[in-house]
Amino acid sequence: MVRKIFRTGNSIVVSLPKNALEQLGVAEGADVQVELDQENRQIVIRPVQLPIAGSIDEAFARQVAEFIEKYRPALESLAKK
């Protein structure tokens, strides 16, 4: 996939398509590991696997991520109160 590098504020950003993130089970705000492979001139981005007590169903986790994305403005407003 070919993506553009662009500036947002003081940061340089590479956008990732939503379907690619969904396939990896990653949502906006998730932690990722970024590695530079200078030998091969590559940037590698991997989801961070946090240890979780017990297991969480992937479909449920995806639904929660979608809910948060859909209602993010309302949730952020509530968090400020």
N, C-alpha and C. Protein backbone atom coordinates (compact mmCIF):
# COMPACT_ATOMS: atom_id res chain seq x y z
N MET A 1 0.84 -1.16 0.00
CA MET A 1 0.00 0.00 0.00
C MET A 1 0.89 1.23 0.00
N VAL A 2 0.55 2.21 -0.77
CA VAL A 2 1.30 3.46 -0.86
C VAL A 2 0.54 4.52 -0.07
N ARG A 3 1.24 5.21 0.83
CA ARG A 3 0.63 6.26 1.66
C ARG A 3 1.50 7.50 1.57
N LYS A 4 0.92 8.67 1.83
CA LYS A 4 1.64 9.94 1.83
C LYS A 4 2.12 10.27 3.24
N ILE A 5 3.25 10.95 3.30
CA ILE A 5 3.75 11.51 4.56
C ILE A 5 3.35 12.97 4.54
N PHE A 6 2.72 13.45 5.64
CA PHE A 6 2.29 14.84 5.68
C PHE A 6 2.47 15.41 7.08
N ARG A 7 2.38 16.72 7.17
CA ARG A 7 2.56 17.43 8.44
C ARG A 7 1.19 17.71 9.06
N THR A 8 1.10 17.49 10.37
CA THR A 8 -0.06 17.87 11.16
C THR A 8 0.48 18.57 12.40
N GLY A 9 0.30 19.88 12.48
CA GLY A 9 0.88 20.64 13.58
C GLY A 9 2.39 20.54 13.50
N ASN A 10 3.02 20.11 14.60
CA ASN A 10 4.47 19.96 14.64
C ASN A 10 4.92 18.52 14.37
N SER A 11 3.99 17.67 13.98
CA SER A 11 4.30 16.25 13.77
C SER A 11 4.28 15.90 12.29
N ILE A 12 5.02 14.86 11.94
CA ILE A 12 4.98 14.28 10.61
C ILE A 12 4.19 12.97 10.75
N VAL A 13 3.24 12.75 9.84
CA VAL A 13 2.27 11.66 10.00
C VAL A 13 2.22 10.80 8.74
N VAL A 14 2.02 9.51 8.93
CA VAL A 14 1.66 8.60 7.85
C VAL A 14 0.30 8.04 8.23
N SER A 15 -0.71 8.31 7.42
CA SER A 15 -2.05 7.80 7.74
C SER A 15 -2.16 6.33 7.35
N LEU A 16 -2.97 5.61 8.09
CA LEU A 16 -3.20 4.19 7.81
C LEU A 16 -4.69 3.99 7.57
N PRO A 17 -5.05 3.21 6.56
CA PRO A 17 -6.47 3.00 6.28
C PRO A 17 -7.16 2.22 7.40
N LYS A 18 -8.41 2.58 7.64
CA LYS A 18 -9.18 1.97 8.72
C LYS A 18 -9.23 0.45 8.60
N ASN A 19 -9.43 -0.06 7.37
CA ASN A 19 -9.55 -1.51 7.21
C ASN A 19 -8.24 -2.23 7.56
N ALA A 20 -7.10 -1.59 7.33
CA ALA A 20 -5.82 -2.20 7.69
C ALA A 20 -5.70 -2.29 9.21
N LEU A 21 -6.12 -1.24 9.91
CA LEU A 21 -6.09 -1.26 11.37
C LEU A 21 -7.04 -2.32 11.93
N GLU A 22 -8.23 -2.41 11.33
CA GLU A 22 -9.20 -3.40 11.79
C GLU A 22 -8.66 -4.82 11.62
N GLN A 23 -7.98 -5.07 10.51
CA GLN A 23 -7.42 -6.40 10.28
C GLN A 23 -6.38 -6.76 11.34
N LEU A 24 -5.69 -5.75 11.87
CA LEU A 24 -4.69 -5.99 12.91
C LEU A 24 -5.28 -5.93 14.32
N GLY A 25 -6.56 -5.55 14.41
CA GLY A 25 -7.19 -5.41 15.72
C GLY A 25 -6.68 -4.21 16.48
N VAL A 26 -6.33 -3.14 15.75
CA VAL A 26 -5.78 -1.93 16.35
C VAL A 26 -6.76 -0.78 16.11
N ALA A 27 -6.98 0.05 17.11
CA ALA A 27 -7.87 1.20 16.98
C ALA A 27 -7.09 2.48 17.27
N GLU A 28 -7.71 3.60 16.93
CA GLU A 28 -7.10 4.90 17.23
C GLU A 28 -6.80 4.98 18.72
N GLY A 29 -5.62 5.46 19.05
CA GLY A 29 -5.23 5.58 20.45
C GLY A 29 -4.47 4.37 20.99
N ALA A 30 -4.41 3.29 20.21
CA ALA A 30 -3.70 2.09 20.65
C ALA A 30 -2.19 2.33 20.63
N ASP A 31 -1.49 1.63 21.49
CA ASP A 31 -0.03 1.70 21.50
C ASP A 31 0.53 0.79 20.42
N VAL A 32 1.54 1.28 19.72
CA VAL A 32 2.23 0.48 18.71
C VAL A 32 3.73 0.59 18.93
N GLN A 33 4.44 -0.43 18.49
CA GLN A 33 5.90 -0.45 18.55
C GLN A 33 6.41 -0.03 17.18
N VAL A 34 7.28 0.99 17.11
CA VAL A 34 7.85 1.45 15.85
C VAL A 34 9.33 1.12 15.86
N GLU A 35 9.76 0.40 14.84
CA GLU A 35 11.17 0.01 14.73
C GLU A 35 11.72 0.50 13.40
N LEU A 36 12.96 0.98 13.43
CA LEU A 36 13.63 1.41 12.21
C LEU A 36 14.60 0.32 11.78
N ASP A 37 14.43 -0.16 10.57
CA ASP A 37 15.32 -1.15 9.98
C ASP A 37 16.17 -0.40 8.96
N GLN A 38 17.30 0.14 9.43
CA GLN A 38 18.14 0.98 8.57
C GLN A 38 18.78 0.18 7.45
N GLU A 39 19.10 -1.07 7.73
CA GLU A 39 19.73 -1.91 6.71
C GLU A 39 18.82 -2.07 5.48
N ASN A 40 17.53 -2.28 5.73
CA ASN A 40 16.57 -2.46 4.64
C ASN A 40 15.77 -1.20 4.34
N ARG A 41 16.10 -0.10 5.03
CA ARG A 41 15.41 1.19 4.85
C ARG A 41 13.90 1.03 5.01
N GLN A 42 13.50 0.46 6.17
CA GLN A 42 12.10 0.22 6.44
C GLN A 42 11.72 0.73 7.82
N ILE A 43 10.47 1.10 7.94
CA ILE A 43 9.86 1.41 9.23
C ILE A 43 8.85 0.30 9.48
N VAL A 44 8.98 -0.38 10.62
CA VAL A 44 8.08 -1.49 10.95
C VAL A 44 7.22 -1.05 12.13
N ILE A 45 5.90 -1.18 11.97
CA ILE A 45 4.95 -0.81 13.02
C ILE A 45 4.20 -2.07 13.43
N ARG A 46 4.25 -2.37 14.74
CA ARG A 46 3.58 -3.57 15.26
C ARG A 46 2.68 -3.17 16.42
N PRO A 47 1.50 -3.81 16.54
CA PRO A 47 0.67 -3.57 17.72
C PRO A 47 1.40 -4.05 18.97
N VAL A 48 1.25 -3.32 20.05
CA VAL A 48 1.83 -3.73 21.33
C VAL A 48 0.88 -4.74 21.96
N GLN A 49 1.42 -5.87 22.32
CA GLN A 49 0.63 -6.91 22.97
C GLN A 49 0.79 -6.75 24.48
N LEU A 50 -0.21 -6.17 25.11
CA LEU A 50 -0.18 -5.98 26.55
C LEU A 50 -0.68 -7.24 27.24
N PRO A 51 -0.03 -7.65 28.32
CA PRO A 51 -0.52 -8.82 29.05
C PRO A 51 -1.87 -8.53 29.68
N ILE A 52 -2.82 -9.41 29.46
CA ILE A 52 -4.17 -9.23 30.00
C ILE A 52 -4.51 -10.44 30.85
N ALA A 53 -5.06 -10.18 32.02
CA ALA A 53 -5.50 -11.28 32.88
C ALA A 53 -6.72 -11.92 32.24
N GLY A 54 -6.63 -13.16 31.86
CA GLY A 54 -7.71 -13.82 31.14
C GLY A 54 -7.65 -13.46 29.67
N SER A 55 -8.58 -13.95 28.93
CA SER A 55 -8.59 -13.63 27.50
C SER A 55 -9.84 -12.84 27.15
N ILE A 56 -9.70 -11.96 26.18
CA ILE A 56 -10.82 -11.15 25.71
C ILE A 56 -11.14 -11.59 24.29
N ASP A 57 -12.40 -11.83 24.04
CA ASP A 57 -12.85 -12.22 22.71
C ASP A 57 -12.54 -11.10 21.72
N GLU A 58 -11.93 -11.45 20.58
CA GLU A 58 -11.53 -10.45 19.60
C GLU A 58 -12.72 -9.68 19.04
N ALA A 59 -13.84 -10.36 18.81
CA ALA A 59 -15.03 -9.69 18.29
C ALA A 59 -15.54 -8.66 19.29
N PHE A 60 -15.51 -9.01 20.58
CA PHE A 60 -15.94 -8.07 21.61
C PHE A 60 -15.01 -6.86 21.67
N ALA A 61 -13.70 -7.11 21.62
CA ALA A 61 -12.73 -6.02 21.65
C ALA A 61 -12.93 -5.09 20.46
N ARG A 62 -13.23 -5.65 19.29
CA ARG A 62 -13.47 -4.84 18.10
C ARG A 62 -14.73 -4.00 18.28
N GLN A 63 -15.79 -4.58 18.86
CA GLN A 63 -17.02 -3.84 19.10
C GLN A 63 -16.79 -2.69 20.07
N VAL A 64 -16.01 -2.93 21.10
CA VAL A 64 -15.69 -1.86 22.06
C VAL A 64 -14.92 -0.75 21.36
N ALA A 65 -13.94 -1.10 20.54
CA ALA A 65 -13.16 -0.09 19.82
C ALA A 65 -14.05 0.72 18.88
N GLU A 66 -14.99 0.05 18.20
CA GLU A 66 -15.91 0.75 17.30
C GLU A 66 -16.82 1.68 18.08
N PHE A 67 -17.30 1.22 19.25
CA PHE A 67 -18.15 2.05 20.10
C PHE A 67 -17.41 3.30 20.53
N ILE A 68 -16.17 3.13 20.98
CA ILE A 68 -15.36 4.27 21.43
C ILE A 68 -15.15 5.25 20.29
N GLU A 69 -14.85 4.73 19.10
CA GLU A 69 -14.63 5.60 17.94
C GLU A 69 -15.90 6.37 17.59
N LYS A 70 -17.03 5.68 17.59
CA LYS A 70 -18.31 6.30 17.22
C LYS A 70 -18.71 7.39 18.22
N TYR A 71 -18.52 7.14 19.49
CA TYR A 71 -18.98 8.06 20.54
C TYR A 71 -17.85 8.84 21.20
N ARG A 72 -16.68 8.90 20.56
CA ARG A 72 -15.51 9.57 21.14
C ARG A 72 -15.81 10.99 21.64
N PRO A 73 -16.46 11.86 20.84
CA PRO A 73 -16.70 13.22 21.33
C PRO A 73 -17.52 13.24 22.62
N ALA A 74 -18.56 12.42 22.69
CA ALA A 74 -19.39 12.38 23.89
C ALA A 74 -18.60 11.83 25.08
N LEU A 75 -17.80 10.79 24.86
CA LEU A 75 -17.00 10.21 25.94
C LEU A 75 -15.96 11.20 26.45
N GLU A 76 -15.33 11.93 25.53
CA GLU A 76 -14.34 12.94 25.95
C GLU A 76 -15.00 14.06 26.73
N SER A 77 -16.20 14.46 26.31
CA SER A 77 -16.94 15.50 27.02
C SER A 77 -17.29 15.03 28.44
N LEU A 78 -17.74 13.80 28.56
CA LEU A 78 -18.07 13.25 29.88
C LEU A 78 -16.83 13.15 30.77
N ALA A 79 -15.70 12.82 30.18
CA ALA A 79 -14.47 12.68 30.95
C ALA A 79 -14.02 14.00 31.56
N LYS A 80 -14.39 15.11 30.94
CA LYS A 80 -13.98 16.43 31.43
C LYS A 80 -14.84 16.91 32.59
N LYS A 81 -15.99 16.26 32.82
CA LYS A 81 -16.91 16.70 33.88
C LYS A 81 -16.52 16.14 35.22
